[in-house]
């Protein structure tokens, strides 16, 4: 199967099953084709992007004692993970000339995001809410429309959205533990460990592709498109060690901390 065909499957086939089906072991990238930038992914009727401000907000941590609120949280996060799958497929189609090592590396991360989507959807279902029962937003997808280079993608998704998730995954883990939901907490811990590797992928490729005259911080901030900005990569529980494990330099982390303390 061609890598492009797999990316098209993820974006253009409307069933959730197609979006969450991993590739076979014989992917090739011999015909990447021309750049293609779909405006929206195809989705099943119950997962179509809802009008602005109609999707539910993330429940606050104290509300997680209510199983229904935990189900809502998992539903929202399942949609975040599904958008990540779609954005990564978008990047594969939009930038066919990107290095093959990057493209195949992205395929590995897509499979993690597919698994995360399934994990959240299954947990929501166990708590009484099927994936697609609630309206879903398109925030992560819409921001990908501003990606006009691989560096834009690396800065916007791995180094902002996923870097923020280094904090959020721990915050949700702790909220679920306080609610006595060890299964949901363990799910968040597993995703946290995966996110470290995803952020590592982002910073390593930013270093490979950035101009020699730029440092990590300058390249990252130069490729963020408003309203994306450095503070969007920080949650409430700043995970210093996770960022260090992901490959950020101590200097980069201190610059983040200076923003966090403002």
Protein backbone atom coordinates (compact mmCIF):
# COMPACT_ATOMS: atom_id res chain seq x y z
CA UNK A 1 0.00 0.00 0.00
CA UNK A 2 1.27 3.46 -0.86
CA UNK A 3 1.71 5.89 2.02
CA UNK A 4 -0.39 8.44 0.11
CA UNK A 5 -3.25 5.96 -0.23
CA UNK A 6 -3.16 5.35 3.51
CA UNK A 7 -3.27 9.09 4.21
CA UNK A 8 -6.21 9.44 1.81
CA UNK A 9 -7.98 6.60 3.62
CA UNK A 10 -7.64 8.45 6.92
CA UNK A 11 -8.95 11.71 5.49
CA UNK A 12 -11.37 10.88 2.70
CA UNK A 13 -13.12 7.71 3.84
CA UNK A 14 -15.98 8.68 6.09
CA UNK A 15 -16.18 5.73 8.46
CA UNK A 16 -14.57 5.71 11.89
CA UNK A 17 -13.40 2.16 11.21
CA UNK A 18 -11.36 3.35 8.21
CA UNK A 19 -9.84 6.18 10.21
CA UNK A 20 -8.78 3.86 13.01
CA UNK A 21 -7.52 1.02 10.80
CA UNK A 22 -3.70 0.80 11.03
CA UNK A 23 -1.63 0.38 7.86
CA UNK A 24 -0.33 -2.96 6.75
CA UNK A 25 3.37 -3.74 7.14
CA UNK A 26 4.25 -3.09 3.50
CA UNK A 27 3.77 0.67 3.14
CA UNK A 28 5.83 2.24 0.38
CA UNK A 29 6.38 5.89 -0.53
CA UNK A 30 7.26 5.61 -4.20
CA UNK A 31 4.41 7.82 -5.46
CA UNK A 32 3.84 10.68 -3.00
CA UNK A 33 2.01 12.67 -5.69
CA UNK A 34 1.17 16.37 -5.74
CA UNK A 35 0.37 18.51 -2.73
CA UNK A 36 -3.26 18.15 -1.66
CA UNK A 37 -4.85 20.23 1.12
CA UNK A 38 -8.43 19.14 1.91
CA UNK A 39 -10.48 21.76 3.72
CA UNK A 40 -12.24 19.21 5.93
CA UNK A 41 -11.89 15.49 6.57
CA UNK A 42 -14.70 13.10 5.73
CA UNK A 43 -16.38 11.89 8.93
CA UNK A 44 -19.42 9.83 9.85
CA UNK A 45 -22.63 11.79 10.46
CA UNK A 46 -22.38 11.58 14.25
CA UNK A 47 -18.83 12.96 14.28
CA UNK A 48 -19.23 15.88 11.89
CA UNK A 49 -17.66 19.06 13.21
CA UNK A 50 -20.28 21.02 15.13
CA UNK A 51 -20.91 24.76 14.82
CA UNK A 52 -18.71 26.93 16.97
CA UNK A 53 -19.44 26.88 20.71
CA UNK A 54 -21.91 23.99 20.49
CA UNK A 55 -19.57 21.19 21.60
CA UNK A 56 -19.43 20.64 25.37
CA UNK A 57 -16.61 22.18 27.38
CA UNK A 58 -14.13 20.00 29.23
CA UNK A 59 -15.48 19.30 32.74
CA UNK A 60 -13.46 20.82 35.57
CA UNK A 61 -11.30 18.52 37.67
CA UNK A 62 -13.62 18.53 40.74
CA UNK A 63 -16.50 17.36 38.52
CA UNK A 64 -14.67 14.13 37.65
CA UNK A 65 -16.21 12.47 40.68
CA UNK A 66 -19.30 12.15 38.47
CA UNK A 67 -18.94 9.20 36.03
CA UNK A 68 -21.02 11.10 33.45
CA UNK A 69 -18.52 13.98 33.53
CA UNK A 70 -15.61 11.55 33.13
CA UNK A 71 -17.38 10.07 30.11
CA UNK A 72 -17.67 13.56 28.62
CA UNK A 73 -13.95 14.15 29.22
CA UNK A 74 -13.01 10.92 27.43
CA UNK A 75 -15.39 11.77 24.57
CA UNK A 76 -13.74 15.17 24.10
CA UNK A 77 -10.26 13.65 24.24
CA UNK A 78 -11.22 10.94 21.75
CA UNK A 79 -12.10 13.72 19.32
CA UNK A 80 -8.79 15.47 20.01
CA UNK A 81 -6.93 12.27 19.19
CA UNK A 82 -8.99 11.68 16.05
CA UNK A 83 -8.21 15.21 14.88
CA UNK A 84 -4.51 14.47 15.43
CA UNK A 85 -4.84 11.43 13.12
CA UNK A 86 -6.50 13.61 10.51
CA UNK A 87 -3.99 16.45 10.81
CA UNK A 88 -1.06 14.06 10.42
CA UNK A 89 -2.69 12.55 7.33
CA UNK A 90 -3.19 16.11 6.06
CA UNK A 91 0.53 16.80 6.54
CA UNK A 92 1.46 13.68 4.57
CA UNK A 93 -0.71 14.86 1.67
CA UNK A 94 0.15 18.56 1.89
CA UNK A 95 3.93 18.05 1.98
CA UNK A 96 4.77 15.11 -0.32
CA UNK A 97 8.36 16.35 -0.65
CA UNK A 98 9.08 16.04 3.08
CA UNK A 99 11.94 13.65 3.95
CA UNK A 100 10.87 10.03 3.79
CA UNK A 101 12.20 9.35 7.29
CA UNK A 102 9.87 12.07 8.56
CA UNK A 103 6.92 10.66 6.61
CA UNK A 104 7.41 7.11 7.86
CA UNK A 105 8.01 8.39 11.39
CA UNK A 106 4.69 10.20 11.20
CA UNK A 107 3.00 6.92 10.24
CA UNK A 108 4.21 5.40 13.52
CA UNK A 109 2.79 8.31 15.49
CA UNK A 110 -0.51 8.11 13.62
CA UNK A 111 -0.86 4.55 14.88
CA UNK A 112 -0.41 5.80 18.45
CA UNK A 113 -3.10 8.43 17.86
CA UNK A 114 -5.44 5.80 16.43
CA UNK A 115 -4.90 3.70 19.54
CA UNK A 116 -5.47 6.71 21.81
CA UNK A 117 -8.75 7.45 20.02
CA UNK A 118 -9.91 3.89 20.57
CA UNK A 119 -8.83 3.96 24.22
CA UNK A 120 -10.79 7.14 25.00
CA UNK A 121 -13.81 6.02 22.98
CA UNK A 122 -13.90 2.64 24.72
CA UNK A 123 -13.53 4.21 28.15
CA UNK A 124 -16.30 6.73 27.41
CA UNK A 125 -18.51 3.85 26.33
CA UNK A 126 -17.80 1.96 29.54
CA UNK A 127 -18.93 5.08 31.40
CA UNK A 128 -22.15 5.22 29.39
CA UNK A 129 -21.37 7.52 26.45
CA UNK A 130 -20.72 6.29 22.91
CA UNK A 131 -18.25 8.22 20.77
CA UNK A 132 -20.38 10.48 18.60
CA UNK A 133 -23.18 10.95 21.13
CA UNK A 134 -22.07 14.55 21.72
CA UNK A 135 -21.17 17.39 19.32
CA UNK A 136 -17.43 17.67 18.60
CA UNK A 137 -15.27 20.66 17.75
CA UNK A 138 -12.71 21.17 14.98
CA UNK A 139 -10.15 23.38 16.76
CA UNK A 140 -7.04 21.26 16.12
CA UNK A 141 -8.03 20.60 12.52
CA UNK A 142 -8.71 24.26 11.75
CA UNK A 143 -5.31 25.29 13.07
CA UNK A 144 -3.70 22.87 10.57
CA UNK A 145 -4.97 25.05 7.74
CA UNK A 146 -2.23 27.49 8.76
CA UNK A 147 0.53 24.91 8.21
CA UNK A 148 2.41 25.91 5.06
CA UNK A 149 5.59 23.98 5.80
CA UNK A 150 6.68 20.97 7.82
CA UNK A 151 8.22 23.39 10.33
CA UNK A 152 4.79 24.99 10.78
CA UNK A 153 3.37 21.56 11.57
CA UNK A 154 6.18 20.66 13.98
CA UNK A 155 5.82 23.96 15.79
CA UNK A 156 2.03 23.85 15.91
CA UNK A 157 1.14 20.27 16.75
CA UNK A 158 4.03 18.31 18.35
CA UNK A 159 5.64 21.29 20.05
CA UNK A 160 2.50 23.12 21.13
CA UNK A 161 -0.58 20.87 21.31
CA UNK A 162 1.28 17.70 22.26
CA UNK A 163 3.74 19.53 24.49
CA UNK A 164 0.79 20.98 26.40
CA UNK A 165 -0.55 17.46 26.69
CA UNK A 166 2.56 16.55 28.69
CA UNK A 167 0.93 18.61 31.43
CA UNK A 168 -2.72 17.82 30.71
CA UNK A 169 -2.26 14.06 30.80
CA UNK A 170 -0.84 14.31 34.33
CA UNK A 171 -3.57 16.73 35.37
CA UNK A 172 -6.27 14.33 34.18
CA UNK A 173 -4.47 11.36 35.70
CA UNK A 174 -4.56 13.07 39.08
CA UNK A 175 -8.20 14.15 38.68
CA UNK A 176 -9.24 10.60 37.81
CA UNK A 177 -7.28 9.18 40.74
CA UNK A 178 -8.99 11.60 43.13
CA UNK A 179 -12.30 10.39 41.70
CA UNK A 180 -11.28 6.78 42.39
CA UNK A 181 -11.14 5.91 38.68
CA UNK A 182 -7.87 4.00 38.42
CA UNK A 183 -8.64 2.72 34.92
CA UNK A 184 -9.01 6.20 33.47
CA UNK A 185 -5.91 7.33 35.35
CA UNK A 186 -3.85 4.46 33.92
CA UNK A 187 -5.07 5.36 30.44
CA UNK A 188 -3.79 8.92 30.89
CA UNK A 189 -0.42 7.69 32.17
CA UNK A 190 -0.01 5.50 29.08
CA UNK A 191 -0.81 8.41 26.79
CA UNK A 192 1.58 10.64 28.75
CA UNK A 193 4.45 8.27 28.00
CA UNK A 194 3.53 8.24 24.31
CA UNK A 195 3.35 12.03 24.23
CA UNK A 196 6.94 12.28 25.42
CA UNK A 197 8.01 10.36 22.32
CA UNK A 198 5.77 12.45 20.06
CA UNK A 199 7.26 15.66 21.38
CA UNK A 200 10.72 14.15 20.97
CA UNK A 201 9.88 13.46 17.30
CA UNK A 202 8.85 17.10 16.95
CA UNK A 203 11.96 18.66 18.47
CA UNK A 204 14.32 16.29 16.66
CA UNK A 205 12.81 17.10 13.27
CA UNK A 206 12.67 20.81 14.03
CA UNK A 207 16.43 20.66 14.63
CA UNK A 208 16.99 18.76 11.38
CA UNK A 209 14.95 21.19 9.27
CA UNK A 210 15.60 24.57 10.89
CA UNK A 211 18.09 27.10 9.48
CA UNK A 212 21.58 26.65 10.94
CA UNK A 213 21.51 30.24 12.16
CA UNK A 214 18.39 29.74 14.31
CA UNK A 215 18.10 28.14 17.72
CA UNK A 216 15.20 25.87 18.72
CA UNK A 217 13.21 28.61 20.41
CA UNK A 218 13.46 31.10 17.55
CA UNK A 219 12.50 28.51 14.95
CA UNK A 220 9.54 27.33 17.02
CA UNK A 221 8.13 30.78 17.71
CA UNK A 222 8.76 31.96 14.13
CA UNK A 223 6.55 29.13 12.85
CA UNK A 224 3.63 29.60 15.24
CA UNK A 225 0.54 31.21 13.72
CA UNK A 226 -1.76 33.28 15.90
CA UNK A 227 -3.47 32.41 18.19
CA UNK A 228 -0.78 29.74 18.68
CA UNK A 229 1.96 31.13 20.89
CA UNK A 230 4.43 29.73 23.45
CA UNK A 231 2.05 29.91 26.42
CA UNK A 232 -0.35 27.60 24.55
CA UNK A 233 2.17 24.79 25.06
CA UNK A 234 1.90 24.94 28.86
CA UNK A 235 -0.73 23.41 31.13
CA UNK A 236 -1.39 24.04 34.81
CA UNK A 237 0.99 21.35 36.12
CA UNK A 238 4.29 22.06 34.38
CA UNK A 239 6.13 18.79 33.72
CA UNK A 240 9.81 19.73 33.69
CA UNK A 241 11.15 16.17 33.65
CA UNK A 242 8.84 15.08 30.84
CA UNK A 243 10.08 17.95 28.68
CA UNK A 244 13.67 17.07 29.49
CA UNK A 245 12.96 13.42 28.57
CA UNK A 246 11.43 14.62 25.30
CA UNK A 247 14.68 16.32 24.34
CA UNK A 248 14.13 19.97 25.22
CA UNK A 249 17.27 21.71 26.37
CA UNK A 250 17.36 23.10 29.93
CA UNK A 251 17.55 26.58 28.39
CA UNK A 252 14.39 25.99 26.34
CA UNK A 253 12.56 24.70 29.42
CA UNK A 254 13.60 27.73 31.44
CA UNK A 255 12.22 30.02 28.73
CA UNK A 256 8.93 28.13 29.01
CA UNK A 257 9.01 28.42 32.79
CA UNK A 258 9.53 32.19 32.53
CA UNK A 259 6.31 32.40 30.50
CA UNK A 260 4.53 30.11 32.95
CA UNK A 261 5.43 32.38 35.87
CA UNK A 262 4.25 35.60 34.24
